[in-house]
C-alpha atoms as a PDB file:
ATOM      1  CA  MET A   1       8.559   1.532 -24.282  1.00  0.00           C
ATOM      2  CA  LYS A   2       5.643   1.962 -21.759  1.00  0.00           C
ATOM      3  CA  PRO A   3       5.286  -1.131 -19.306  1.00  0.00           C
ATOM      4  CA  GLU A   4       1.847  -2.710 -19.446  1.00  0.00           C
ATOM      5  CA  ILE A   5       0.166  -3.413 -16.306  1.00  0.00           C
ATOM      6  CA  SER A   6      -2.662  -5.868 -15.748  1.00  0.00           C
ATOM      7  CA  HIS A   7      -4.674  -6.522 -12.607  1.00  0.00           C
ATOM      8  CA  LYS A   8      -5.747 -10.094 -12.084  1.00  0.00           C
ATOM      9  CA  LYS A   9      -7.733 -11.198  -9.052  1.00  0.00           C
ATOM     10  CA  ASP A  10      -4.855 -12.481  -7.214  1.00  0.00           C
ATOM     11  CA  PHE A  11      -1.726 -10.700  -8.652  1.00  0.00           C
ATOM     12  CA  LEU A  12      -0.463  -7.487 -10.180  1.00  0.00           C
ATOM     13  CA  ASP A  13       1.306  -8.422 -13.642  1.00  0.00           C
ATOM     14  CA  VAL A  14       3.784  -5.779 -15.011  1.00  0.00           C
ATOM     15  CA  LYS A  15       5.267  -6.361 -18.393  1.00  0.00           C
ATOM     16  CA  ALA A  16       8.153  -4.300 -19.467  1.00  0.00           C
ATOM     17  CA  GLY A  17       9.718  -5.591 -22.710  1.00  0.00           C
ATOM     18  CA  ARG A  18      10.882  -9.070 -22.456  1.00  0.00           C
ATOM     19  CA  PHE A  19      10.607  -8.845 -18.713  1.00  0.00           C
ATOM     20  CA  ARG A  20       7.550  -9.708 -16.586  1.00  0.00           C
ATOM     21  CA  LEU A  21       7.005  -9.093 -12.868  1.00  0.00           C
ATOM     22  CA  TYR A  22       4.196 -10.834 -10.888  1.00  0.00           C
ATOM     23  CA  PHE A  23       3.267  -9.450  -7.540  1.00  0.00           C
ATOM     24  CA  ARG A  24       0.988 -11.549  -5.401  1.00  0.00           C
ATOM     25  CA  LYS A  25      -1.635  -9.010  -4.230  1.00  0.00           C
ATOM     26  CA  ARG A  26      -1.236  -5.360  -4.735  1.00  0.00           C
ATOM     27  CA  TYR A  27      -1.243  -4.529  -1.018  1.00  0.00           C
ATOM     28  CA  ARG A  28       1.756  -6.800  -0.425  1.00  0.00           C
ATOM     29  CA  LEU A  29       3.716  -4.613  -3.004  1.00  0.00           C
ATOM     30  CA  ILE A  30       2.448  -1.454  -1.377  1.00  0.00           C
ATOM     31  CA  THR A  31       3.491  -2.788   2.080  1.00  0.00           C
ATOM     32  CA  THR A  32       6.986  -3.631   0.957  1.00  0.00           C
ATOM     33  CA  VAL A  33       7.414  -0.126  -0.590  1.00  0.00           C
ATOM     34  CA  ASN A  34       6.158   1.345   2.632  1.00  0.00           C
ATOM     35  CA  ASP A  35       8.547  -0.539   4.605  1.00  0.00           C
ATOM     36  CA  LEU A  36      11.501   0.444   2.335  1.00  0.00           C
ATOM     37  CA  LEU A  37      10.444   4.094   2.723  1.00  0.00           C
ATOM     38  CA  ILE A  38      10.224   3.915   6.525  1.00  0.00           C
ATOM     39  CA  GLY A  39      13.813   2.401   6.655  1.00  0.00           C
ATOM     40  CA  LEU A  40      15.076   5.127   4.244  1.00  0.00           C
ATOM     41  CA  PHE A  41      13.497   7.996   6.115  1.00  0.00           C
ATOM     42  CA  PHE A  42      14.514   6.779   9.597  1.00  0.00           C
ATOM     43  CA  VAL A  43      18.280   6.159   8.531  1.00  0.00           C
ATOM     44  CA  THR A  44      18.407   9.468   6.640  1.00  0.00           C
ATOM     45  CA  GLY A  45      16.866  11.230   9.511  1.00  0.00           C
ATOM     46  CA  SER A  46      19.310   9.744  11.908  1.00  0.00           C
ATOM     47  CA  ILE A  47      22.426  10.761   9.614  1.00  0.00           C
ATOM     48  CA  LEU A  48      20.982  14.167   9.265  1.00  0.00           C
ATOM     49  CA  ASN A  49      20.583  14.676  12.971  1.00  0.00           C
ATOM     50  CA  PHE A  50      24.262  14.311  13.290  1.00  0.00           C
ATOM     51  CA  PHE A  51      24.732  17.728  11.675  1.00  0.00           C
ATOM     52  CA  SER A  52      23.263  20.885  13.559  1.00  0.00           C
ATOM     53  CA  SER A  53      22.440  22.657  10.260  1.00  0.00           C
ATOM     54  CA  ALA A  54      20.217  19.650   8.981  1.00  0.00           C
ATOM     55  CA  GLU A  55      18.476  18.796  12.186  1.00  0.00           C
ATOM     56  CA  VAL A  56      15.139  20.276  10.994  1.00  0.00           C
ATOM     57  CA  PHE A  57      15.321  18.003   7.840  1.00  0.00           C
ATOM     58  CA  GLY A  58      16.098  14.943  10.001  1.00  0.00           C
ATOM     59  CA  MET A  59      13.176  15.651  12.209  1.00  0.00           C
ATOM     60  CA  VAL A  60      11.025  15.917   9.246  1.00  0.00           C
ATOM     61  CA  LEU A  61      12.141  12.533   7.882  1.00  0.00           C
ATOM     62  CA  TYR A  62      11.522  11.189  11.319  1.00  0.00           C
ATOM     63  CA  LEU A  63       7.894  12.475  11.177  1.00  0.00           C
ATOM     64  CA  CYS A  64       7.430  10.965   7.628  1.00  0.00           C
ATOM     65  CA  GLY A  65       8.841   7.576   8.796  1.00  0.00           C
ATOM     66  CA  SER A  66       6.516   7.741  11.749  1.00  0.00           C
ATOM     67  CA  LEU A  67       3.616   8.649   9.678  1.00  0.00           C
ATOM     68  CA  LEU A  68       4.339   5.633   7.336  1.00  0.00           C
ATOM     69  CA  LEU A  69       4.889   3.260  10.223  1.00  0.00           C
ATOM     70  CA  GLY A  70       1.327   4.247  11.466  1.00  0.00           C
ATOM     71  CA  SER A  71      -0.152   3.299   8.050  1.00  0.00           C
ATOM     72  CA  ARG A  72       1.175  -0.278   8.293  1.00  0.00           C
ATOM     73  CA  PRO A  73      -1.956  -1.451  10.194  1.00  0.00           C
ATOM     74  CA  VAL A  74      -4.245   0.218   7.702  1.00  0.00           C
ATOM     75  CA  LEU A  75      -2.424  -1.483   4.853  1.00  0.00           C
ATOM     76  CA  ARG A  76      -2.650  -4.786   6.554  1.00  0.00           C
ATOM     77  CA  ILE A  77      -6.378  -4.351   7.036  1.00  0.00           C
ATOM     78  CA  MET A  78      -6.914  -3.275   3.524  1.00  0.00           C
ATOM     79  CA  HIS A  79      -4.891  -6.360   2.282  1.00  0.00           C
ATOM     80  CA  ASP A  80      -6.775  -8.826   4.535  1.00  0.00           C
ATOM     81  CA  ALA A  81     -10.348  -7.326   4.096  1.00  0.00           C
ATOM     82  CA  GLU A  82     -12.668  -8.033   1.114  1.00  0.00           C
ATOM     83  CA  LEU A  83     -15.904  -6.097   0.729  1.00  0.00           C
ATOM     84  CA  ARG A  84     -18.780  -8.283  -0.762  1.00  0.00           C
ATOM     85  CA  ASN A  85     -22.298  -7.529  -1.515  1.00  0.00           C
ATOM     86  CA  GLU A  86     -24.004 -10.290   0.361  1.00  0.00           C
ATOM     87  CA  MET A  87     -27.526  -9.075  -0.232  1.00  0.00           C
ATOM     88  CA  LYS A  88     -27.241  -9.522  -4.066  1.00  0.00           C
ATOM     89  CA  GLU A  89     -26.292 -13.098  -3.590  1.00  0.00           C
ATOM     90  CA  SER A  90     -29.104 -13.797  -1.236  1.00  0.00           C
ATOM     91  CA  SER A  91     -32.038 -15.881  -2.373  1.00  0.00           C
ATOM     92  CA  ASN A  92     -34.590 -13.361  -1.186  1.00  0.00           C
ATOM     93  CA  TYR A  93     -33.025 -10.252  -2.806  1.00  0.00           C
ATOM     94  CA  ASN A  94     -35.568  -8.039  -4.414  1.00  0.00           C
ATOM     95  CA  PRO A  95     -34.205  -4.656  -5.777  1.00  0.00           C
ATOM     96  CA  ALA A  96     -37.745  -3.320  -5.976  1.00  0.00           C
ATOM     97  CA  LYS A  97     -38.432  -3.828  -2.361  1.00  0.00           C
ATOM     98  CA  LYS A  98     -37.228  -1.009   0.113  1.00  0.00           C
ATOM     99  CA  GLN A  99     -34.497  -2.650   2.080  1.00  0.00           C
ATOM    100  CA  GLU A 100     -34.649  -2.086   6.071  1.00  0.00           C
END
């Protein structure tokens, strides 16, 4: 059974069998998954650094966690920003005229 995913204006609807999940705003879900991965990478990296044979893997996980931590502001901007074409909604819009 494949889950059905539908995108609405304000939420993401995932239907799997008789269960249905609603996520308000797609970027909120992405941000939450991002935060979970950050925690997982940092905790696992910390544990691996206790063992000298796995230190390199620990450092790689620290790097991955740091990159995901750096992506949080970008995700926040994507969540809060909305691109609109104000020109088309303008009363003096004329597609035949060359725009300056």
